[in-house]
Amino acid sequence: MSARPLPTVPFAADSWFKASASAAQNECVEVNTSVSSLVGVRDSKAPDAVLAFPRAAFTAAVDAVRDGAL
């Protein structure tokens, strides 16, 4: 069985942002919303590794954290 390459999502390189609370720290999670149906998430120390989530799922997860459910 051979491994198939993962699809590449064309997130705009200049659209990554991090929380303002993380500005002074080097260990940050960055988010990109330049693709309409997806949200990209990456570690600022390893920017070549990107996770892509459906926008609705990402929003639901953030809301659950905000509400204390996660």
PDB file of N, CA and C in Angstrom:
ATOM      1  N   MET A   1       0.844  -1.166   0.000  1.00  0.00           N
ATOM      2  CA  MET A   1       0.000   0.000   0.000  1.00  0.00           C
ATOM      3  C   MET A   1       0.896   1.238   0.000  1.00  0.00           C
ATOM      4  N   SER A   2       0.685   2.109  -0.944  1.00  0.00           N
ATOM      5  CA  SER A   2       1.493   3.331  -1.005  1.00  0.00           C
ATOM      6  C   SER A   2       0.702   4.504  -0.427  1.00  0.00           C
ATOM      7  N   ALA A   3       1.422   5.413   0.185  1.00  0.00           N
ATOM      8  CA  ALA A   3       0.788   6.594   0.773  1.00  0.00           C
ATOM      9  C   ALA A   3       0.418   7.572  -0.324  1.00  0.00           C
ATOM     10  N   ARG A   4      -0.757   8.135  -0.194  1.00  0.00           N
ATOM     11  CA  ARG A   4      -1.186   9.158  -1.141  1.00  0.00           C
ATOM     12  C   ARG A   4      -0.842  10.525  -0.574  1.00  0.00           C
ATOM     13  N   PRO A   5      -0.427  11.454  -1.403  1.00  0.00           N
ATOM     14  CA  PRO A   5      -0.126  12.793  -0.895  1.00  0.00           C
ATOM     15  C   PRO A   5      -1.415  13.487  -0.448  1.00  0.00           C
ATOM     16  N   LEU A   6      -1.299  14.290   0.584  1.00  0.00           N
ATOM     17  CA  LEU A   6      -2.440  15.043   1.064  1.00  0.00           C
ATOM     18  C   LEU A   6      -2.714  16.215   0.135  1.00  0.00           C
ATOM     19  N   PRO A   7      -3.978  16.594  -0.018  1.00  0.00           N
ATOM     20  CA  PRO A   7      -4.280  17.746  -0.871  1.00  0.00           C
ATOM     21  C   PRO A   7      -3.730  19.026  -0.247  1.00  0.00           C
ATOM     22  N   THR A   8      -3.393  19.969  -1.079  1.00  0.00           N
ATOM     23  CA  THR A   8      -2.898  21.258  -0.623  1.00  0.00           C
ATOM     24  C   THR A   8      -4.036  22.272  -0.674  1.00  0.00           C
ATOM     25  N   VAL A   9      -4.196  23.015   0.404  1.00  0.00           N
ATOM     26  CA  VAL A   9      -5.226  24.055   0.462  1.00  0.00           C
ATOM     27  C   VAL A   9      -4.530  25.399   0.267  1.00  0.00           C
ATOM     28  N   PRO A  10      -5.006  26.207  -0.668  1.00  0.00           N
ATOM     29  CA  PRO A  10      -4.321  27.466  -0.984  1.00  0.00           C
ATOM     30  C   PRO A  10      -4.655  28.612  -0.021  1.00  0.00           C
ATOM     31  N   PHE A  11      -4.236  28.492   1.241  1.00  0.00           N
ATOM     32  CA  PHE A  11      -4.442  29.600   2.172  1.00  0.00           C
ATOM     33  C   PHE A  11      -3.507  30.743   1.785  1.00  0.00           C
ATOM     34  N   ALA A  12      -4.005  31.965   1.809  1.00  0.00           N
ATOM     35  CA  ALA A  12      -3.189  33.128   1.474  1.00  0.00           C
ATOM     36  C   ALA A  12      -2.064  33.282   2.495  1.00  0.00           C
ATOM     37  N   ALA A  13      -0.851  33.394   2.007  1.00  0.00           N
ATOM     38  CA  ALA A  13       0.323  33.450   2.884  1.00  0.00           C
ATOM     39  C   ALA A  13       0.302  34.643   3.829  1.00  0.00           C
ATOM     40  N   ASP A  14      -0.290  35.738   3.419  1.00  0.00           N
ATOM     41  CA  ASP A  14      -0.290  36.942   4.253  1.00  0.00           C
ATOM     42  C   ASP A  14      -1.529  37.061   5.144  1.00  0.00           C
ATOM     43  N   SER A  15      -2.309  35.993   5.263  1.00  0.00           N
ATOM     44  CA  SER A  15      -3.554  36.048   6.028  1.00  0.00           C
ATOM     45  C   SER A  15      -3.526  35.280   7.340  1.00  0.00           C
ATOM     46  N   TRP A  16      -2.364  34.846   7.786  1.00  0.00           N
ATOM     47  CA  TRP A  16      -2.252  34.143   9.063  1.00  0.00           C
ATOM     48  C   TRP A  16      -2.272  35.157  10.196  1.00  0.00           C
ATOM     49  N   PHE A  17      -3.018  34.850  11.264  1.00  0.00           N
ATOM     50  CA  PHE A  17      -3.044  35.744  12.423  1.00  0.00           C
ATOM     51  C   PHE A  17      -3.081  34.930  13.702  1.00  0.00           C
ATOM     52  N   LYS A  18      -2.685  35.560  14.801  1.00  0.00           N
ATOM     53  CA  LYS A  18      -2.711  34.900  16.103  1.00  0.00           C
ATOM     54  C   LYS A  18      -3.419  35.809  17.092  1.00  0.00           C
ATOM     55  N   ALA A  19      -3.811  35.251  18.216  1.00  0.00           N
ATOM     56  CA  ALA A  19      -4.506  36.021  19.240  1.00  0.00           C
ATOM     57  C   ALA A  19      -3.602  37.132  19.747  1.00  0.00           C
ATOM     58  N   SER A  20      -4.183  38.284  20.029  1.00  0.00           N
ATOM     59  CA  SER A  20      -3.388  39.409  20.531  1.00  0.00           C
ATOM     60  C   SER A  20      -2.734  39.063  21.864  1.00  0.00           C
ATOM     61  N   ALA A  21      -3.324  38.164  22.639  1.00  0.00           N
ATOM     62  CA  ALA A  21      -2.733  37.747  23.915  1.00  0.00           C
ATOM     63  C   ALA A  21      -1.449  36.959  23.709  1.00  0.00           C
ATOM     64  N   SER A  22      -1.232  36.461  22.508  1.00  0.00           N
ATOM     65  CA  SER A  22      -0.036  35.670  22.212  1.00  0.00           C
ATOM     66  C   SER A  22       1.095  36.512  21.638  1.00  0.00           C
ATOM     67  N   ALA A  23       0.882  37.788  21.458  1.00  0.00           N
ATOM     68  CA  ALA A  23       1.828  38.639  20.733  1.00  0.00           C
ATOM     69  C   ALA A  23       3.242  38.606  21.299  1.00  0.00           C
ATOM     70  N   ALA A  24       3.390  38.524  22.605  1.00  0.00           N
ATOM     71  CA  ALA A  24       4.727  38.572  23.208  1.00  0.00           C
ATOM     72  C   ALA A  24       5.357  37.188  23.369  1.00  0.00           C
ATOM     73  N   GLN A  25       4.634  36.157  23.003  1.00  0.00           N
ATOM     74  CA  GLN A  25       5.133  34.794  23.184  1.00  0.00           C
ATOM     75  C   GLN A  25       5.528  34.188  21.845  1.00  0.00           C
ATOM     76  N   ASN A  26       6.413  33.216  21.882  1.00  0.00           N
ATOM     77  CA  ASN A  26       6.851  32.561  20.652  1.00  0.00           C
ATOM     78  C   ASN A  26       6.094  31.276  20.367  1.00  0.00           C
ATOM     79  N   GLU A  27       5.304  30.798  21.298  1.00  0.00           N
ATOM     80  CA  GLU A  27       4.561  29.554  21.119  1.00  0.00           C
ATOM     81  C   GLU A  27       3.103  29.883  20.857  1.00  0.00           C
ATOM     82  N   CYS A  28       2.767  30.030  19.595  1.00  0.00           N
ATOM     83  CA  CYS A  28       1.441  30.506  19.225  1.00  0.00           C
ATOM     84  C   CYS A  28       0.784  29.595  18.202  1.00  0.00           C
ATOM     85  N   VAL A  29      -0.518  29.567  18.251  1.00  0.00           N
ATOM     86  CA  VAL A  29      -1.308  28.928  17.215  1.00  0.00           C
ATOM     87  C   VAL A  29      -1.794  30.048  16.305  1.00  0.00           C
ATOM     88  N   GLU A  30      -1.622  29.867  15.012  1.00  0.00           N
ATOM     89  CA  GLU A  30      -2.067  30.860  14.041  1.00  0.00           C
ATOM     90  C   GLU A  30      -3.256  30.316  13.263  1.00  0.00           C
ATOM     91  N   VAL A  31      -4.131  31.217  12.839  1.00  0.00           N
ATOM     92  CA  VAL A  31      -5.361  30.857  12.142  1.00  0.00           C
ATOM     93  C   VAL A  31      -5.419  31.623  10.820  1.00  0.00           C
ATOM     94  N   ASN A  32      -6.019  30.992   9.815  1.00  0.00           N
ATOM     95  CA  ASN A  32      -6.171  31.619   8.506  1.00  0.00           C
ATOM     96  C   ASN A  32      -7.581  31.348   8.010  1.00  0.00           C
ATOM     97  N   THR A  33      -8.288  32.403   7.624  1.00  0.00           N
ATOM     98  CA  THR A  33      -9.660  32.268   7.141  1.00  0.00           C
ATOM     99  C   THR A  33      -9.806  32.740   5.695  1.00  0.00           C
ATOM    100  N   SER A  34      -8.716  32.680   4.921  1.00  0.00           N
ATOM    101  CA  SER A  34      -8.757  33.194   3.549  1.00  0.00           C
ATOM    102  C   SER A  34      -9.471  32.272   2.558  1.00  0.00           C
ATOM    103  N   VAL A  35      -9.732  31.032   2.941  1.00  0.00           N
ATOM    104  CA  VAL A  35     -10.499  30.104   2.103  1.00  0.00           C
ATOM    105  C   VAL A  35     -11.910  30.055   2.681  1.00  0.00           C
ATOM    106  N   SER A  36     -12.914  30.344   1.876  1.00  0.00           N
ATOM    107  CA  SER A  36     -14.267  30.566   2.389  1.00  0.00           C
ATOM    108  C   SER A  36     -14.867  29.406   3.178  1.00  0.00           C
ATOM    109  N   SER A  37     -14.580  28.177   2.820  1.00  0.00           N
ATOM    110  CA  SER A  37     -15.221  27.049   3.488  1.00  0.00           C
ATOM    111  C   SER A  37     -14.357  26.397   4.562  1.00  0.00           C
ATOM    112  N   LEU A  38     -13.105  26.858   4.712  1.00  0.00           N
ATOM    113  CA  LEU A  38     -12.170  26.219   5.633  1.00  0.00           C
ATOM    114  C   LEU A  38     -11.493  27.223   6.559  1.00  0.00           C
ATOM    115  N   VAL A  39     -10.988  26.700   7.673  1.00  0.00           N
ATOM    116  CA  VAL A  39     -10.139  27.478   8.577  1.00  0.00           C
ATOM    117  C   VAL A  39      -8.829  26.707   8.701  1.00  0.00           C
ATOM    118  N   GLY A  40      -7.730  27.395   8.440  1.00  0.00           N
ATOM    119  CA  GLY A  40      -6.419  26.783   8.579  1.00  0.00           C
ATOM    120  C   GLY A  40      -5.871  27.072   9.964  1.00  0.00           C
ATOM    121  N   VAL A  41      -5.191  26.084  10.545  1.00  0.00           N
ATOM    122  CA  VAL A  41      -4.582  26.225  11.873  1.00  0.00           C
ATOM    123  C   VAL A  41      -3.162  25.681  11.782  1.00  0.00           C
ATOM    124  N   ARG A  42      -2.208  26.444  12.343  1.00  0.00           N
ATOM    125  CA  ARG A  42      -0.818  25.981  12.336  1.00  0.00           C
ATOM    126  C   ARG A  42      -0.097  26.480  13.579  1.00  0.00           C
ATOM    127  N   ASP A  43       1.010  25.839  13.879  1.00  0.00           N
ATOM    128  CA  ASP A  43       1.894  26.241  14.966  1.00  0.00           C
ATOM    129  C   ASP A  43       2.869  27.253  14.379  1.00  0.00           C
ATOM    130  N   SER A  44       3.036  28.394  15.035  1.00  0.00           N
ATOM    131  CA  SER A  44       3.922  29.430  14.501  1.00  0.00           C
ATOM    132  C   SER A  44       5.367  28.952  14.378  1.00  0.00           C
ATOM    133  N   LYS A  45       5.756  27.938  15.165  1.00  0.00           N
ATOM    134  CA  LYS A  45       7.124  27.406  15.092  1.00  0.00           C
ATOM    135  C   LYS A  45       7.288  26.385  13.970  1.00  0.00           C
ATOM    136  N   ALA A  46       6.185  25.883  13.427  1.00  0.00           N
ATOM    137  CA  ALA A  46       6.227  24.888  12.347  1.00  0.00           C
ATOM    138  C   ALA A  46       5.195  25.277  11.285  1.00  0.00           C
ATOM    139  N   PRO A  47       5.408  26.403  10.612  1.00  0.00           N
ATOM    140  CA  PRO A  47       4.384  26.945   9.717  1.00  0.00           C
ATOM    141  C   PRO A  47       4.085  26.113   8.468  1.00  0.00           C
ATOM    142  N   ASP A  48       4.903  25.132   8.158  1.00  0.00           N
ATOM    143  CA  ASP A  48       4.626  24.310   6.978  1.00  0.00           C
ATOM    144  C   ASP A  48       3.593  23.224   7.233  1.00  0.00           C
ATOM    145  N   ALA A  49       3.314  22.934   8.501  1.00  0.00           N
ATOM    146  CA  ALA A  49       2.322  21.921   8.858  1.00  0.00           C
ATOM    147  C   ALA A  49       1.000  22.618   9.171  1.00  0.00           C
ATOM    148  N   VAL A  50       0.040  22.457   8.294  1.00  0.00           N
ATOM    149  CA  VAL A  50      -1.246  23.157   8.421  1.00  0.00           C
ATOM    150  C   VAL A  50      -2.378  22.148   8.527  1.00  0.00           C
ATOM    151  N   LEU A  51      -3.250  22.353   9.496  1.00  0.00           N
ATOM    152  CA  LEU A  51      -4.486  21.573   9.604  1.00  0.00           C
ATOM    153  C   LEU A  51      -5.610  22.421   9.032  1.00  0.00           C
ATOM    154  N   ALA A  52      -6.483  21.816   8.261  1.00  0.00           N
ATOM    155  CA  ALA A  52      -7.623  22.533   7.680  1.00  0.00           C
ATOM    156  C   ALA A  52      -8.909  21.924   8.214  1.00  0.00           C
ATOM    157  N   PHE A  53      -9.777  22.769   8.742  1.00  0.00           N
ATOM    158  CA  PHE A  53     -11.048  22.334   9.314  1.00  0.00           C
ATOM    159  C   PHE A  53     -12.197  23.001   8.574  1.00  0.00           C
ATOM    160  N   PRO A  54     -13.323  22.290   8.417  1.00  0.00           N
ATOM    161  CA  PRO A  54     -14.504  22.966   7.880  1.00  0.00           C
ATOM    162  C   PRO A  54     -14.845  24.147   8.799  1.00  0.00           C
ATOM    163  N   ARG A  55     -15.207  25.266   8.207  1.00  0.00           N
ATOM    164  CA  ARG A  55     -15.461  26.483   8.981  1.00  0.00           C
ATOM    165  C   ARG A  55     -16.515  26.249  10.071  1.00  0.00           C
ATOM    166  N   ALA A  56     -17.585  25.549   9.765  1.00  0.00           N
ATOM    167  CA  ALA A  56     -18.641  25.313  10.759  1.00  0.00           C
ATOM    168  C   ALA A  56     -18.127  24.496  11.940  1.00  0.00           C
ATOM    169  N   ALA A  57     -17.294  23.493  11.679  1.00  0.00           N
ATOM    170  CA  ALA A  57     -16.749  22.664  12.765  1.00  0.00           C
ATOM    171  C   ALA A  57     -15.795  23.474  13.635  1.00  0.00           C
ATOM    172  N   PHE A  58     -14.967  24.310  13.016  1.00  0.00           N
ATOM    173  CA  PHE A  58     -14.032  25.135  13.779  1.00  0.00           C
ATOM    174  C   PHE A  58     -14.797  26.124  14.659  1.00  0.00           C
ATOM    175  N   THR A  59     -15.818  26.757  14.092  1.00  0.00           N
ATOM    176  CA  THR A  59     -16.629  27.711  14.847  1.00  0.00           C
ATOM    177  C   THR A  59     -17.323  27.025  16.013  1.00  0.00           C
ATOM    178  N   ALA A  60     -17.863  25.835  15.796  1.00  0.00           N
ATOM    179  CA  ALA A  60     -18.525  25.088  16.870  1.00  0.00           C
ATOM    180  C   ALA A  60     -17.542  24.737  17.986  1.00  0.00           C
ATOM    181  N   ALA A  61     -16.322  24.362  17.628  1.00  0.00           N
ATOM    182  CA  ALA A  61     -15.313  24.023  18.639  1.00  0.00           C
ATOM    183  C   ALA A  61     -14.926  25.256  19.452  1.00  0.00           C
ATOM    184  N   VAL A  62     -14.706  26.378  18.782  1.00  0.00           N
ATOM    185  CA  VAL A  62     -14.359  27.619  19.490  1.00  0.00           C
ATOM    186  C   VAL A  62     -15.505  28.032  20.414  1.00  0.00           C
ATOM    187  N   ASP A  63     -16.739  27.947  19.932  1.00  0.00           N
ATOM    188  CA  ASP A  63     -17.896  28.290  20.773  1.00  0.00           C
ATOM    189  C   ASP A  63     -17.985  27.378  21.990  1.00  0.00           C
ATOM    190  N   ALA A  64     -17.713  26.091  21.804  1.00  0.00           N
ATOM    191  CA  ALA A  64     -17.772  25.142  22.919  1.00  0.00           C
ATOM    192  C   ALA A  64     -16.707  25.458  23.965  1.00  0.00           C
ATOM    193  N   VAL A  65     -15.514  25.830  23.506  1.00  0.00           N
ATOM    194  CA  VAL A  65     -14.468  26.232  24.455  1.00  0.00           C
ATOM    195  C   VAL A  65     -14.876  27.493  25.192  1.00  0.00           C
ATOM    196  N   ARG A  66     -15.379  28.451  24.456  1.00  0.00           N
ATOM    197  CA  ARG A  66     -15.813  29.725  25.040  1.00  0.00           C
ATOM    198  C   ARG A  66     -16.912  29.511  26.079  1.00  0.00           C
ATOM    199  N   ASP A  67     -17.822  28.549  25.812  1.00  0.00           N
ATOM    200  CA  ASP A  67     -18.947  28.280  26.714  1.00  0.00           C
ATOM    201  C   ASP A  67     -18.581  27.340  27.854  1.00  0.00           C
ATOM    202  N   GLY A  68     -17.350  26.830  27.866  1.00  0.00           N
ATOM    203  CA  GLY A  68     -16.902  25.935  28.939  1.00  0.00           C
ATOM    204  C   GLY A  68     -17.274  24.488  28.731  1.00  0.00           C
ATOM    205  N   ALA A  69     -17.775  24.143  27.562  1.00  0.00           N
ATOM    206  CA  ALA A  69     -18.161  22.752  27.279  1.00  0.00           C
ATOM    207  C   ALA A  69     -16.952  21.890  26.940  1.00  0.00           C
ATOM    208  N   LEU A  70     -15.869  22.493  26.540  1.00  0.00           N
ATOM    209  CA  LEU A  70     -14.628  21.751  26.220  1.00  0.00           C
ATOM    210  C   LEU A  70     -13.497  22.304  27.060  1.00  0.00           C
TER     211      LEU A  70
END
